[in-house]
Amino acid sequence: MRVPRIYHPLAENSLDESVQMSLSLGQQVELCAEAANHVGRVLRMQQGQALVLFTGDGHDYQAEIVSASKKNVCVQITDVAVNTTESPLKIHLGQGISRGDRMDFVLQKSVELGVHSITPLFTERCGVKLSGERLIKKQQQWQKIVIAACEQSGRSVVPTVAQPIALHDWLPQLAPSLRLTLDPLAQVALREQKLSNEHVQLLIGPEGGLTESEVQAAAAADFQPVRLGPRVLRTETAALSALSAVQYQFGDLASPLIQE
């Protein structure tokens, strides 16, 4: 039977790499309330059973349950190992926010495909209106989806879901990188692109696509239109197809092709 993987936050801002801490061999740890509820109430795990903790620092922490109830679970760390599932690429996905569960689906599957960070984008054709407390709660919900996807897919580095931002505000913030956006009419195919370092930024529009002014703004910010094929893809299909193609071309869905 597969050993459950449980996310264990070590600090209030546990996804910030600057404050990451590690667990140590032999250490006893009280799981947070949410994790304890999942282990004790949902999975009904008992003393002596094994699980794996991860904190976001890139390690797997083998653990054994010392005590368990429906509200409190204590475990002891029995082994520490580097998790080797991370992609050599640092892919930042700028995803136009879409309605319903499409955005949730993109977040979940992009984690499985090795995305490094995600910024939800408000665009001119975005049909989702979020602000204030609703925006904060939605961002927290998206981050929980990402954490659950890490538990499922075996990752121990948790991609950050940035605060949603307008596309025109996002573009000037970006660090140097290979910048790509999809266009079925583009003259250049993805396979013709060259990667100079491990950083890739993908821009995917919402339902209805980007407007002409947004396309021009992206071009001015050095986003290169590339084609995957002749067909127009839905927003969720476009994001996952692009991630898969980039990982195959440069990452770990095939032999790594990053040049030194």
Protein backbone atom coordinates (compact mmCIF):
# COMPACT_ATOMS: atom_id res chain seq x y z
CA MET A 1 0.00 0.00 0.00
CA ARG A 2 1.25 3.47 -0.88
CA VAL A 3 2.57 5.43 2.11
CA PRO A 4 0.61 8.71 2.52
CA ARG A 5 2.50 11.95 1.88
CA ILE A 6 1.57 14.84 4.16
CA TYR A 7 2.53 18.50 3.90
CA HIS A 8 3.83 19.84 7.21
CA PRO A 9 4.26 23.65 7.33
CA LEU A 10 7.06 24.71 9.66
CA ALA A 11 6.42 28.46 9.70
CA GLU A 12 3.55 30.83 9.08
CA ASN A 13 5.17 31.79 5.78
CA SER A 14 6.43 28.28 5.12
CA LEU A 15 6.45 28.61 1.32
CA ASP A 16 9.04 31.40 1.49
CA GLU A 17 12.37 29.71 0.72
CA SER A 18 14.22 32.26 2.88
CA VAL A 19 12.57 30.91 6.06
CA GLN A 20 12.58 27.22 5.25
CA MET A 21 13.62 25.00 8.14
CA SER A 22 14.35 21.29 8.17
CA LEU A 23 13.20 18.40 10.30
CA SER A 24 15.84 16.20 11.86
CA LEU A 25 16.29 12.48 12.28
CA GLY A 26 14.67 11.25 15.50
CA GLN A 27 12.68 14.45 16.00
CA GLN A 28 9.09 14.13 17.23
CA VAL A 29 6.60 16.39 15.49
CA GLU A 30 3.00 17.34 16.22
CA LEU A 31 1.15 17.64 12.93
CA CYS A 32 -0.79 20.82 12.27
CA ALA A 33 -4.57 20.68 12.81
CA GLU A 34 -5.42 20.19 9.13
CA ALA A 35 -2.83 17.43 8.63
CA ALA A 36 -3.80 15.74 11.90
CA ASN A 37 -7.46 15.73 10.89
CA HIS A 38 -6.56 14.12 7.55
CA VAL A 39 -4.30 11.48 9.10
CA GLY A 40 -6.37 10.72 12.20
CA ARG A 41 -9.96 11.25 11.05
CA VAL A 42 -9.94 10.71 7.27
CA LEU A 43 -7.21 8.08 6.84
CA ARG A 44 -7.81 6.59 10.33
CA MET A 45 -4.10 5.89 10.74
CA GLN A 46 -2.84 4.44 14.01
CA GLN A 47 0.30 4.26 16.14
CA GLY A 48 3.17 2.50 14.37
CA GLN A 49 2.02 3.25 10.84
CA ALA A 50 4.34 5.01 8.39
CA LEU A 51 3.90 8.23 6.46
CA VAL A 52 6.08 10.76 4.65
CA LEU A 53 6.24 14.43 5.57
CA PHE A 54 7.45 17.22 3.33
CA THR A 55 7.89 20.86 4.26
CA GLY A 56 8.67 22.47 0.91
CA ASP A 57 12.45 22.33 1.37
CA GLY A 58 13.01 19.57 -1.22
CA HIS A 59 13.36 16.68 1.24
CA ASP A 60 11.19 13.72 2.14
CA TYR A 61 10.93 12.90 5.84
CA GLN A 62 10.00 9.29 6.53
CA ALA A 63 8.04 9.15 9.78
CA GLU A 64 6.24 6.77 12.10
CA ILE A 65 3.15 7.65 14.08
CA VAL A 66 3.85 7.79 17.82
CA SER A 67 0.29 8.62 18.83
CA ALA A 68 -2.89 9.40 16.94
CA SER A 69 -6.41 10.59 17.63
CA LYS A 70 -8.99 12.38 15.47
CA LYS A 71 -7.55 15.76 16.44
CA ASN A 72 -3.91 15.20 17.39
CA VAL A 73 -1.16 13.20 15.69
CA CYS A 74 2.46 12.95 16.79
CA VAL A 75 5.09 11.37 14.55
CA GLN A 76 8.81 10.62 14.80
CA ILE A 77 11.20 11.22 11.90
CA THR A 78 12.91 7.95 10.94
CA ASP A 79 14.75 8.92 7.76
CA VAL A 80 15.60 12.01 5.69
CA ALA A 81 16.22 11.95 1.94
CA VAL A 82 16.53 14.46 -0.88
CA ASN A 83 13.52 14.33 -3.20
CA THR A 84 14.71 14.03 -6.81
CA THR A 85 11.41 14.67 -8.61
CA GLU A 86 11.95 18.37 -9.33
CA SER A 87 12.32 19.51 -12.92
CA PRO A 88 15.60 21.18 -13.95
CA LEU A 89 13.42 23.97 -15.38
CA LYS A 90 12.06 26.86 -13.36
CA ILE A 91 8.77 27.38 -15.18
CA HIS A 92 6.69 30.38 -14.17
CA LEU A 93 3.13 30.12 -15.45
CA GLY A 94 1.18 33.33 -15.95
CA GLN A 95 -2.37 32.02 -16.27
CA GLY A 96 -5.39 34.09 -17.24
CA ILE A 97 -8.04 33.45 -14.59
CA SER A 98 -10.94 31.37 -15.89
CA ARG A 99 -14.42 30.54 -14.58
CA GLY A 100 -15.59 27.55 -12.62
CA ASP A 101 -13.23 24.70 -11.91
CA ARG A 102 -11.03 25.29 -14.97
CA MET A 103 -8.54 27.33 -12.95
CA ASP A 104 -8.42 24.68 -10.22
CA PHE A 105 -7.77 22.04 -12.88
CA VAL A 106 -4.91 24.03 -14.44
CA LEU A 107 -3.27 24.56 -11.05
CA GLN A 108 -3.49 20.91 -10.09
CA LYS A 109 -2.20 19.53 -13.37
CA SER A 110 0.52 22.16 -13.78
CA VAL A 111 1.98 21.01 -10.46
CA GLU A 112 2.00 17.43 -11.72
CA LEU A 113 3.86 18.67 -14.81
CA GLY A 114 6.56 20.36 -12.71
CA VAL A 115 5.65 24.06 -12.73
CA HIS A 116 7.80 26.14 -10.35
CA SER A 117 5.50 29.10 -9.69
CA ILE A 118 2.12 30.40 -10.83
CA THR A 119 0.66 33.90 -11.14
CA PRO A 120 -3.10 34.13 -11.76
CA LEU A 121 -3.70 37.04 -14.14
CA PHE A 122 -6.62 39.42 -14.50
CA THR A 123 -7.03 40.18 -18.19
CA GLU A 124 -9.49 42.21 -20.24
CA ARG A 125 -11.55 39.14 -21.09
CA CYS A 126 -11.37 37.64 -17.61
CA GLY A 127 -14.91 36.89 -16.46
CA VAL A 128 -13.96 36.46 -12.80
CA LYS A 129 -14.25 39.41 -10.44
CA LEU A 130 -12.31 39.11 -7.19
CA SER A 131 -11.16 41.69 -4.69
CA GLY A 132 -10.55 42.24 -1.00
CA GLU A 133 -11.30 39.31 1.30
CA ARG A 134 -12.68 37.16 -1.54
CA LEU A 135 -9.41 37.55 -3.42
CA ILE A 136 -7.35 36.55 -0.38
CA LYS A 137 -9.52 33.49 0.25
CA LYS A 138 -9.36 32.45 -3.39
CA GLN A 139 -5.55 32.68 -3.40
CA GLN A 140 -5.42 30.55 -0.23
CA GLN A 141 -7.75 28.03 -1.82
CA TRP A 142 -5.55 27.83 -4.91
CA GLN A 143 -2.46 27.32 -2.75
CA LYS A 144 -4.17 24.42 -0.97
CA ILE A 145 -4.92 22.84 -4.34
CA VAL A 146 -1.22 23.12 -5.20
CA ILE A 147 -0.18 21.53 -1.89
CA ALA A 148 -2.61 18.64 -2.41
CA ALA A 149 -1.19 18.14 -5.91
CA CYS A 150 2.32 17.96 -4.43
CA GLU A 151 1.14 15.31 -1.96
CA GLN A 152 -0.34 13.28 -4.81
CA SER A 153 2.46 13.70 -7.36
CA GLY A 154 5.42 13.10 -5.05
CA ARG A 155 6.90 16.60 -5.08
CA SER A 156 8.60 18.11 -2.01
CA VAL A 157 9.02 21.66 -3.33
CA VAL A 158 5.70 23.51 -3.23
CA PRO A 159 5.06 25.93 -6.11
CA THR A 160 3.92 29.34 -4.95
CA VAL A 161 0.63 30.77 -6.15
CA ALA A 162 1.32 34.50 -6.27
CA GLN A 163 -1.29 37.12 -5.50
CA PRO A 164 -3.47 37.57 -8.59
CA ILE A 165 -2.46 40.64 -10.57
CA ALA A 166 -3.42 42.47 -13.76
CA LEU A 167 -1.49 41.35 -16.83
CA HIS A 168 -0.19 44.87 -17.55
CA ASP A 169 1.18 45.07 -13.98
CA TRP A 170 2.71 41.59 -14.14
CA LEU A 171 4.75 42.07 -17.32
CA PRO A 172 7.18 44.74 -15.97
CA GLN A 173 7.95 42.63 -12.87
CA LEU A 174 9.41 39.64 -14.70
CA ALA A 175 13.05 38.62 -14.41
CA PRO A 176 15.09 37.70 -17.52
CA SER A 177 13.91 34.44 -18.99
CA LEU A 178 12.77 32.63 -22.13
CA ARG A 179 9.26 34.04 -22.51
CA LEU A 180 6.67 32.17 -24.54
CA THR A 181 3.00 32.50 -25.38
CA LEU A 182 0.92 30.31 -27.68
CA ASP A 183 -0.40 31.34 -31.07
CA PRO A 184 -1.60 28.78 -33.67
CA LEU A 185 -0.67 31.30 -36.39
CA ALA A 186 2.85 31.93 -35.11
CA GLN A 187 5.67 31.55 -37.62
CA VAL A 188 7.95 29.81 -35.11
CA ALA A 189 7.32 26.37 -33.62
CA LEU A 190 8.20 25.66 -30.00
CA ARG A 191 10.81 23.10 -31.06
CA GLU A 192 12.76 25.88 -32.78
CA GLN A 193 13.29 27.81 -29.54
CA LYS A 194 16.65 27.83 -27.76
CA LEU A 195 17.02 27.82 -23.99
CA SER A 196 19.90 29.88 -22.56
CA ASN A 197 19.23 29.09 -18.89
CA GLU A 198 16.79 27.12 -16.78
CA HIS A 199 14.13 29.84 -16.55
CA VAL A 200 10.99 29.78 -18.70
CA GLN A 201 7.93 32.01 -18.45
CA LEU A 202 4.66 30.94 -20.07
CA LEU A 203 1.78 33.32 -20.67
CA ILE A 204 -1.61 31.70 -21.23
CA GLY A 205 -4.70 33.78 -21.90
CA PRO A 206 -8.16 33.23 -20.36
CA GLU A 207 -11.31 31.96 -22.05
CA GLY A 208 -11.65 34.05 -25.17
CA GLY A 209 -7.92 34.68 -25.34
CA LEU A 210 -5.88 37.85 -24.99
CA THR A 211 -7.01 41.08 -26.62
CA GLU A 212 -4.95 42.74 -29.33
CA SER A 213 -3.62 45.33 -26.87
CA GLU A 214 -2.58 42.56 -24.46
CA VAL A 215 -0.87 40.65 -27.27
CA GLN A 216 1.05 43.81 -28.16
CA ALA A 217 1.99 44.42 -24.51
CA ALA A 218 3.26 40.84 -24.21
CA ALA A 219 5.30 41.25 -27.40
CA ALA A 220 6.79 44.48 -26.05
CA ALA A 221 7.80 42.49 -22.94
CA ASP A 222 9.66 39.98 -25.16
CA PHE A 223 7.07 37.21 -25.06
CA GLN A 224 7.59 35.19 -28.22
CA PRO A 225 4.52 33.66 -29.89
CA VAL A 226 5.04 29.99 -30.69
CA ARG A 227 2.79 27.33 -32.15
CA LEU A 228 2.21 23.83 -30.87
CA GLY A 229 -0.06 22.95 -33.76
CA PRO A 230 -2.71 24.39 -36.06
CA ARG A 231 -5.69 24.17 -33.69
CA VAL A 232 -7.02 26.72 -31.20
CA LEU A 233 -6.83 25.28 -27.67
CA ARG A 234 -9.04 26.04 -24.69
CA THR A 235 -7.27 27.90 -21.90
CA GLU A 236 -6.81 24.83 -19.68
CA THR A 237 -5.67 22.70 -22.63
CA ALA A 238 -3.25 25.40 -23.77
CA ALA A 239 -1.55 25.68 -20.38
CA LEU A 240 -1.05 21.96 -19.92
CA SER A 241 -0.03 21.36 -23.53
CA ALA A 242 2.54 24.15 -23.31
CA LEU A 243 3.94 22.84 -20.02
CA SER A 244 4.17 19.32 -21.41
CA ALA A 245 5.88 20.50 -24.59
CA VAL A 246 8.38 22.68 -22.71
CA GLN A 247 9.18 19.88 -20.27
CA TYR A 248 9.67 17.47 -23.17
CA GLN A 249 11.79 19.93 -25.12
CA PHE A 250 13.99 21.20 -22.29
CA GLY A 251 13.07 19.44 -19.05
CA ASP A 252 12.48 16.03 -17.54
CA LEU A 253 9.75 14.47 -19.69
CA ALA A 254 12.68 13.40 -21.89
CA SER A 255 16.45 13.47 -21.48
CA PRO A 256 17.43 16.97 -20.25
CA LEU A 257 18.47 19.22 -23.11
CA ILE A 258 19.66 22.23 -21.10
CA GLN A 259 23.01 23.36 -22.44
CA GLU A 260 25.77 24.56 -20.15
